[in-house]
N, C-alpha and C. Protein backbone atom coordinates (compact mmCIF):
# COMPACT_ATOMS: atom_id res chain seq x y z
N MET A 1 114.07 98.57 162.59
CA MET A 1 113.89 98.74 161.63
C MET A 1 112.17 97.84 161.87
N SER A 2 112.85 96.39 163.06
CA SER A 2 111.89 96.21 163.54
C SER A 2 110.18 96.72 165.12
N GLN A 3 110.53 97.37 165.27
CA GLN A 3 110.65 98.37 166.19
C GLN A 3 109.54 99.40 165.38
N GLU A 4 109.91 99.77 164.70
CA GLU A 4 109.69 100.66 163.60
C GLU A 4 108.32 100.01 163.21
N LYS A 5 108.08 98.91 162.91
CA LYS A 5 106.86 97.95 161.64
C LYS A 5 105.94 97.98 163.42
N GLU A 6 106.46 97.12 164.20
CA GLU A 6 105.38 96.69 165.79
C GLU A 6 104.59 97.94 166.28
N ARG A 7 105.44 99.34 165.98
CA ARG A 7 105.07 100.20 166.17
C ARG A 7 103.79 101.28 165.44
N ARG A 8 104.20 100.56 163.76
CA ARG A 8 103.90 101.03 162.99
C ARG A 8 102.01 100.47 162.95
N LEU A 9 102.41 98.79 162.44
CA LEU A 9 101.26 97.27 163.18
C LEU A 9 99.86 98.40 164.55
N ARG A 10 100.65 99.26 166.12
CA ARG A 10 100.52 99.40 166.91
C ARG A 10 99.13 100.53 166.36
N GLN A 11 99.54 101.06 165.68
CA GLN A 11 99.05 102.47 165.60
C GLN A 11 97.89 101.92 163.93
N LEU A 12 98.27 101.10 162.94
CA LEU A 12 97.28 100.35 162.54
C LEU A 12 95.63 99.56 162.49
N LEU A 13 96.18 98.63 163.50
CA LEU A 13 95.04 98.28 164.69
C LEU A 13 93.92 99.55 165.48
N THR A 14 94.57 99.49 166.46
CA THR A 14 94.40 101.35 166.90
C THR A 14 93.18 101.77 165.69
N GLU A 15 93.80 102.10 164.80
CA GLU A 15 93.22 102.80 163.30
C GLU A 15 91.61 101.66 163.03
N ILE A 16 91.97 100.80 163.25
CA ILE A 16 91.08 99.65 163.10
C ILE A 16 89.68 99.83 163.58
N GLN A 17 90.61 99.52 164.79
CA GLN A 17 88.97 99.91 165.99
C GLN A 17 88.28 101.28 165.44
N LEU A 18 88.73 102.31 165.75
CA LEU A 18 88.53 103.32 165.76
C LEU A 18 87.46 103.04 164.44
N MET A 19 87.89 102.72 163.82
CA MET A 19 86.98 102.79 162.08
C MET A 19 85.53 101.98 162.66
N GLU A 20 85.84 100.12 163.22
CA GLU A 20 84.75 99.57 163.02
C GLU A 20 83.72 100.54 164.14
N GLY A 21 83.77 101.27 165.13
CA GLY A 21 83.07 101.71 166.23
C GLY A 21 82.56 102.92 164.98
N SER A 22 83.41 103.74 164.07
CA SER A 22 82.31 104.44 163.90
C SER A 22 81.35 103.51 162.35
N VAL A 23 82.22 102.85 161.90
CA VAL A 23 80.95 101.92 160.29
C VAL A 23 79.63 101.15 161.48
N ASN A 24 79.71 100.78 162.92
CA ASN A 24 78.78 100.27 163.84
C ASN A 24 78.10 102.04 163.63
N ALA A 25 78.40 103.12 163.93
CA ALA A 25 77.35 104.75 164.52
C ALA A 25 76.90 104.29 163.62
N LEU A 26 77.72 104.19 162.08
CA LEU A 26 77.01 105.32 160.74
C LEU A 26 75.58 103.79 160.38
N GLN A 27 75.62 102.05 160.66
CA GLN A 27 74.76 101.55 160.75
C GLN A 27 73.99 101.64 161.04
N GLN A 28 73.82 101.87 162.60
CA GLN A 28 72.55 102.46 163.46
C GLN A 28 72.32 103.91 162.96
N ARG A 29 72.47 104.27 162.64
CA ARG A 29 72.13 105.95 162.06
C ARG A 29 71.45 105.51 160.61
N LEU A 30 71.70 104.61 159.85
CA LEU A 30 71.04 104.46 158.59
C LEU A 30 70.37 104.19 158.67
N GLN A 31 70.11 102.79 160.17
CA GLN A 31 69.18 102.06 160.42
C GLN A 31 67.18 102.83 160.84
N LEU A 32 67.73 103.66 161.65
CA LEU A 32 66.89 104.91 161.53
C LEU A 32 66.83 105.44 160.94
N ILE A 33 66.97 106.47 160.02
CA ILE A 33 67.82 106.88 158.83
C ILE A 33 65.85 105.82 157.15
N ASN A 34 66.19 104.63 157.89
CA ASN A 34 65.49 103.32 156.79
C ASN A 34 64.06 103.37 156.86
N ALA A 35 63.98 103.82 158.65
CA ALA A 35 63.08 103.48 159.56
C ALA A 35 62.52 104.34 158.67
N ALA A 36 63.24 105.75 158.85
CA ALA A 36 62.19 106.85 158.51
C ALA A 36 61.04 106.95 157.33
N VAL A 37 62.07 106.69 155.91
CA VAL A 37 62.19 106.58 154.93
C VAL A 37 61.37 106.95 154.68
N SER A 38 60.81 104.98 155.08
CA SER A 38 60.00 103.31 155.41
C SER A 38 57.95 104.31 155.53
N GLU A 39 58.39 105.40 156.90
CA GLU A 39 57.51 105.48 157.79
C GLU A 39 56.68 107.18 156.61
N LEU A 40 58.30 107.41 156.48
CA LEU A 40 57.43 108.35 155.09
C LEU A 40 56.68 108.38 153.82
N ASN A 41 57.20 107.04 153.41
CA ASN A 41 57.20 106.90 152.41
C ASN A 41 54.71 106.13 151.93
N MET A 42 54.87 105.09 153.22
CA MET A 42 53.70 104.85 153.80
C MET A 42 53.03 105.89 154.09
N ALA A 43 53.21 106.82 155.10
CA ALA A 43 52.11 108.60 154.92
C ALA A 43 52.08 108.53 153.45
N GLN A 44 53.07 108.74 152.74
CA GLN A 44 52.81 109.53 151.39
C GLN A 44 51.94 108.49 150.71
N ASP A 45 52.14 107.85 150.45
CA ASP A 45 50.83 106.48 149.96
C ASP A 45 49.44 105.90 150.04
N SER A 46 49.61 106.39 151.74
CA SER A 46 48.24 106.64 152.19
C SER A 46 47.46 108.06 152.04
N LEU A 47 48.33 108.94 152.07
CA LEU A 47 47.62 110.03 151.46
C LEU A 47 47.32 110.13 150.56
N LYS A 48 48.14 109.88 149.09
CA LYS A 48 46.64 109.79 147.52
C LYS A 48 46.31 109.01 148.12
N ASP A 49 46.27 107.20 148.38
CA ASP A 49 46.01 106.40 148.21
C ASP A 49 43.32 107.53 149.06
N LEU A 50 44.02 107.95 149.80
CA LEU A 50 43.11 108.57 151.03
C LEU A 50 42.13 109.18 149.62
N LYS A 51 43.15 110.19 149.09
CA LYS A 51 42.29 111.55 147.86
C LYS A 51 41.27 110.18 147.28
N ASN A 52 40.85 110.03 146.74
CA ASN A 52 41.31 108.39 145.85
C ASN A 52 39.05 107.60 146.46
N ILE A 53 38.54 108.02 148.34
CA ILE A 53 38.28 107.69 148.82
C ILE A 53 37.71 108.40 148.32
N GLU A 54 35.31 108.26 148.65
CA GLU A 54 34.85 109.09 149.69
C GLU A 54 35.03 108.37 151.13
N LYS A 55 34.33 110.09 150.16
CA LYS A 55 33.93 111.11 152.45
C LYS A 55 32.92 110.45 152.77
N GLY A 56 33.25 109.38 154.11
CA GLY A 56 32.13 108.04 154.36
C GLY A 56 33.03 107.08 154.26
N SER A 57 33.30 106.31 153.37
CA SER A 57 33.08 105.48 153.55
C SER A 57 34.32 104.62 154.67
N PRO A 58 33.53 103.05 154.27
CA PRO A 58 34.77 102.13 156.63
C PRO A 58 35.93 102.32 155.23
N LEU A 59 36.29 102.60 157.13
CA LEU A 59 37.68 102.90 156.89
C LEU A 59 38.82 101.03 157.96
N LEU A 60 39.58 101.06 157.31
CA LEU A 60 40.11 100.21 158.51
C LEU A 60 40.95 100.24 159.07
N VAL A 61 40.78 101.01 160.49
CA VAL A 61 42.24 102.11 160.79
C VAL A 61 43.15 101.26 162.28
N PRO A 62 44.68 100.48 162.26
CA PRO A 62 45.78 100.29 163.19
C PRO A 62 45.59 101.42 163.87
N ILE A 63 45.63 100.83 164.67
CA ILE A 63 45.77 101.56 166.37
C ILE A 63 47.06 100.88 167.38
N GLY A 64 47.36 99.34 166.66
CA GLY A 64 48.92 98.95 167.01
C GLY A 64 48.40 98.03 167.51
N GLY A 65 49.92 97.02 168.08
CA GLY A 65 49.29 95.19 168.59
C GLY A 65 49.71 94.83 167.92
N GLY A 66 48.89 95.33 166.61
CA GLY A 66 47.26 93.91 165.96
C GLY A 66 45.99 94.29 165.93
N VAL A 67 45.99 95.67 166.16
CA VAL A 67 44.47 95.33 166.84
C VAL A 67 43.96 96.99 165.95
N PHE A 68 42.78 96.19 165.42
CA PHE A 68 42.19 97.84 163.98
C PHE A 68 40.94 98.27 165.20
N MET A 69 40.48 99.37 163.96
CA MET A 69 39.32 99.90 164.69
C MET A 69 38.45 100.08 162.89
N ASN A 70 37.32 100.13 163.66
CA ASN A 70 36.13 100.01 162.05
C ASN A 70 36.30 101.48 162.44
N THR A 71 36.39 102.81 161.39
CA THR A 71 35.62 104.20 161.43
C THR A 71 34.75 104.73 159.59
N GLU A 72 35.16 105.54 159.60
CA GLU A 72 34.29 105.99 158.52
C GLU A 72 35.29 107.67 158.02
N LEU A 73 35.40 107.61 156.46
CA LEU A 73 36.47 108.48 156.29
C LEU A 73 35.72 109.67 156.23
N GLY A 74 36.63 111.06 157.16
CA GLY A 74 36.00 111.86 157.62
C GLY A 74 37.03 112.81 156.25
N ASP A 75 36.69 114.51 157.08
CA ASP A 75 37.02 115.24 155.53
C ASP A 75 38.72 115.21 155.15
N ILE A 76 39.20 115.39 154.28
CA ILE A 76 40.55 115.46 154.26
C ILE A 76 40.80 116.38 153.80
N LYS A 77 40.47 117.64 154.26
CA LYS A 77 40.92 119.21 153.39
C LYS A 77 42.23 119.41 154.52
N LYS A 78 42.15 119.43 155.66
CA LYS A 78 43.45 119.01 156.74
C LYS A 78 43.77 117.84 157.27
N VAL A 79 44.95 117.18 157.65
CA VAL A 79 45.46 117.27 158.62
C VAL A 79 46.87 117.20 158.61
N ILE A 80 46.33 116.47 160.27
CA ILE A 80 47.20 116.82 161.55
C ILE A 80 49.61 115.78 160.66
N VAL A 81 49.73 117.10 161.09
CA VAL A 81 51.43 117.13 160.63
C VAL A 81 52.57 116.74 162.17
N ASP A 82 52.46 115.51 162.41
CA ASP A 82 53.88 115.54 163.17
C ASP A 82 55.28 116.59 163.03
N ILE A 83 55.13 117.57 163.62
CA ILE A 83 57.19 117.91 162.85
C ILE A 83 57.67 117.51 163.75
N GLY A 84 58.09 116.56 165.09
CA GLY A 84 59.07 116.86 165.73
C GLY A 84 59.21 117.70 166.92
N ALA A 85 59.78 117.13 167.66
CA ALA A 85 59.66 117.05 169.31
C ALA A 85 58.08 117.55 169.69
N ASP A 86 57.29 116.09 169.22
CA ASP A 86 56.34 116.03 169.71
C ASP A 86 55.50 117.43 169.72
N VAL A 87 55.19 117.77 168.63
CA VAL A 87 54.64 118.55 168.05
C VAL A 87 54.38 118.60 166.87
N SER A 88 53.14 119.01 167.04
CA SER A 88 51.71 119.18 165.20
C SER A 88 50.95 119.87 164.74
N LEU A 89 51.19 119.88 163.83
CA LEU A 89 50.15 121.10 163.03
C LEU A 89 49.19 120.56 162.27
N GLU A 90 47.80 121.07 162.60
CA GLU A 90 46.83 121.56 160.58
C GLU A 90 47.08 121.67 159.97
N MET A 91 47.60 120.83 158.57
CA MET A 91 48.50 121.67 157.65
C MET A 91 47.04 120.85 157.26
N ARG A 92 46.48 121.79 155.40
CA ARG A 92 45.82 121.26 154.46
C ARG A 92 46.55 120.45 153.22
N TYR A 93 45.17 119.73 153.27
CA TYR A 93 45.33 118.52 152.61
C TYR A 93 46.85 118.56 151.64
N GLU A 94 46.65 119.23 150.88
CA GLU A 94 47.81 119.67 149.64
C GLU A 94 49.58 119.82 150.24
N SER A 95 49.41 121.11 151.96
CA SER A 95 51.02 121.53 152.71
C SER A 95 51.12 120.22 152.77
N ALA A 96 50.23 119.53 153.03
CA ALA A 96 50.97 117.79 153.89
C ALA A 96 51.30 117.48 153.14
N VAL A 97 51.07 116.95 151.83
CA VAL A 97 51.66 116.11 150.61
C VAL A 97 52.84 116.66 150.01
N LYS A 98 53.04 118.23 150.58
CA LYS A 98 54.44 119.24 149.74
C LYS A 98 55.25 118.75 151.49
N ASP A 99 54.58 119.03 152.27
CA ASP A 99 55.76 118.51 153.95
C ASP A 99 56.20 116.72 154.11
N ILE A 100 55.81 116.26 153.34
CA ILE A 100 56.20 114.48 153.18
C ILE A 100 56.96 114.14 152.29
N SER A 101 56.52 115.41 151.09
CA SER A 101 57.28 114.80 150.55
C SER A 101 59.32 115.33 150.00
N GLU A 102 58.99 116.52 151.06
CA GLU A 102 60.51 117.04 150.99
C GLU A 102 60.11 116.79 152.35
N ARG A 103 60.24 115.82 153.36
CA ARG A 103 60.75 114.79 154.13
C ARG A 103 61.48 114.19 153.79
N LEU A 104 60.90 113.26 152.82
CA LEU A 104 61.19 112.19 152.38
C LEU A 104 62.82 112.34 151.79
N THR A 105 62.74 113.53 150.78
CA THR A 105 64.06 113.42 149.63
C THR A 105 65.22 113.73 151.32
N GLU A 106 64.53 114.90 152.04
CA GLU A 106 65.56 114.60 153.20
C GLU A 106 66.30 113.76 153.53
N MET A 107 65.21 112.85 153.57
CA MET A 107 66.10 111.48 154.61
C MET A 107 66.72 110.53 153.38
N GLU A 108 66.18 111.01 151.83
CA GLU A 108 66.58 109.86 150.66
C GLU A 108 68.08 110.49 151.10
N ASP A 109 68.05 112.01 151.00
CA ASP A 109 69.62 112.17 150.51
C ASP A 109 70.85 112.11 152.40
N ALA A 110 70.05 112.08 152.77
CA ALA A 110 70.73 111.26 154.04
C ALA A 110 71.28 109.96 154.18
N GLN A 111 70.09 109.27 153.86
CA GLN A 111 70.46 107.81 153.61
C GLN A 111 71.27 107.52 152.27
N THR A 112 71.63 108.53 151.19
CA THR A 112 72.64 108.35 150.12
C THR A 112 74.49 108.83 151.06
N SER A 113 74.28 109.90 151.68
CA SER A 113 75.35 110.12 152.53
C SER A 113 75.58 109.62 153.29
N VAL A 114 75.13 108.59 154.05
CA VAL A 114 75.20 107.82 155.63
C VAL A 114 75.71 106.28 154.52
N ARG A 115 75.62 106.53 153.37
CA ARG A 115 75.84 105.70 152.97
C ARG A 115 77.62 105.12 152.01
N GLU A 116 77.91 106.41 152.06
CA GLU A 116 78.53 106.90 150.39
C GLU A 116 80.43 106.81 152.21
N GLN A 117 79.73 107.63 153.33
CA GLN A 117 80.38 107.98 154.38
C GLN A 117 80.99 106.16 154.30
N LEU A 118 79.58 105.51 154.91
CA LEU A 118 79.57 103.59 155.69
C LEU A 118 81.66 103.23 154.15
N THR A 119 80.53 103.41 153.19
CA THR A 119 81.86 103.39 151.61
C THR A 119 82.90 103.35 152.39
N GLN A 120 83.11 104.56 152.38
CA GLN A 120 84.82 104.86 151.95
C GLN A 120 85.48 104.03 153.44
N ILE A 121 84.69 104.52 155.08
CA ILE A 121 85.49 104.48 155.56
C ILE A 121 85.71 102.31 155.86
N ILE A 122 84.59 102.05 155.54
CA ILE A 122 85.49 100.43 154.91
C ILE A 122 86.15 100.69 153.63
N ALA A 123 86.23 100.54 152.65
CA ALA A 123 87.40 100.85 151.82
C ALA A 123 88.34 101.47 152.62
N GLN A 124 89.00 102.27 153.30
CA GLN A 124 89.85 102.44 154.02
C GLN A 124 90.27 101.63 155.23
N MET A 125 89.02 101.06 155.73
CA MET A 125 88.68 99.74 156.73
C MET A 125 90.30 98.37 156.32
N GLN A 126 89.43 98.15 155.04
CA GLN A 126 90.18 97.55 154.33
C GLN A 126 91.92 97.40 153.88
N SER A 127 92.15 98.58 153.26
CA SER A 127 93.35 98.98 152.93
C SER A 127 93.59 99.07 154.44
N HIS A 128 93.95 99.14 155.62
CA HIS A 128 94.48 98.95 156.21
C HIS A 128 94.36 98.09 157.28
N GLN A 129 93.34 97.36 156.91
CA GLN A 129 93.93 95.66 157.07
C GLN A 129 95.47 94.93 156.69
N GLN A 130 95.37 94.94 154.58
CA GLN A 130 96.03 94.37 153.95
C GLN A 130 97.78 94.69 154.61
N ILE A 131 98.03 96.50 154.83
CA ILE A 131 98.71 97.24 155.25
C ILE A 131 99.77 96.17 157.10
N ALA A 132 98.19 96.54 157.57
CA ALA A 132 98.63 95.50 158.82
C ALA A 132 99.18 94.34 158.73
N GLU A 133 97.71 93.43 158.05
CA GLU A 133 98.13 91.66 158.56
C GLU A 133 99.87 91.53 156.77
N ARG A 134 99.96 92.28 156.06
CA ARG A 134 101.56 92.18 155.38
C ARG A 134 103.24 93.02 156.31
N LEU A 135 102.43 93.83 157.67
CA LEU A 135 103.48 94.16 158.81
C LEU A 135 103.73 93.27 159.16
N SER A 136 102.48 92.40 159.85
CA SER A 136 102.78 91.14 160.87
C SER A 136 103.91 89.92 160.11
N ARG A 137 103.18 90.29 158.80
CA ARG A 137 104.44 88.85 157.81
C ARG A 137 105.49 89.22 158.23
N GLU A 138 106.06 89.65 158.40
CA GLU A 138 106.97 90.58 157.54
C GLU A 138 107.92 90.37 159.10
N LEU A 139 107.25 91.03 160.03
CA LEU A 139 107.63 90.82 161.49
C LEU A 139 107.58 89.71 162.09
N GLN A 140 106.32 88.47 161.99
CA GLN A 140 106.69 86.75 161.56
C GLN A 140 108.43 86.45 160.92
N VAL A 141 108.46 86.59 159.79
CA VAL A 141 109.55 86.67 159.13
C VAL A 141 110.91 86.53 159.98
N GLY A 142 110.94 88.63 160.54
CA GLY A 142 112.61 88.48 161.09
C GLY A 142 112.09 87.79 162.40
N LEU A 143 111.33 87.84 162.99
CA LEU A 143 111.20 86.78 163.38
C LEU A 143 111.81 85.66 163.86
N GLU A 144 111.75 84.76 162.81
CA GLU A 144 111.88 83.44 162.39
C GLU A 144 113.77 83.55 162.05
N GLY A 145 113.49 84.18 161.71
CA GLY A 145 115.19 84.46 160.83
C GLY A 145 116.18 85.43 162.70
N ALA A 146 115.77 85.07 163.10
CA ALA A 146 116.03 85.43 164.15
C ALA A 146 116.16 84.30 165.25
N ILE A 147 115.70 83.28 164.40
CA ILE A 147 115.53 82.10 165.62
C ILE A 147 117.13 81.23 165.42
């Protein structure tokens, strides 16, 4: 009986390690999705804000590294949108807003899915840990009784 408990305990511990790896991978994926959602929200907000600004109005544009450039707002009837794989497409303003909104919805759906997967795996991991702790105690009591 004790050998069966030891085998089961080793199996549970192996499964817990695998689940920890899955949790880490999902957390990394969630961080990437969160960054994409944040970026898409910023793009969506910026496009909406620019719609209410007059052509020729002065703008301060971030170019990276905490560096900004003074410029003027041009025509926003056409917007260049990155569609992936280092490919950008010129779109009408309305199409760009719609595209970003759709991508944002997809990313939010992915966010929800990954969170649900994380919750399931963590719950399963906790269940395995409780069983492993119980088996460990039983084995320990069995060893103490044998002495």
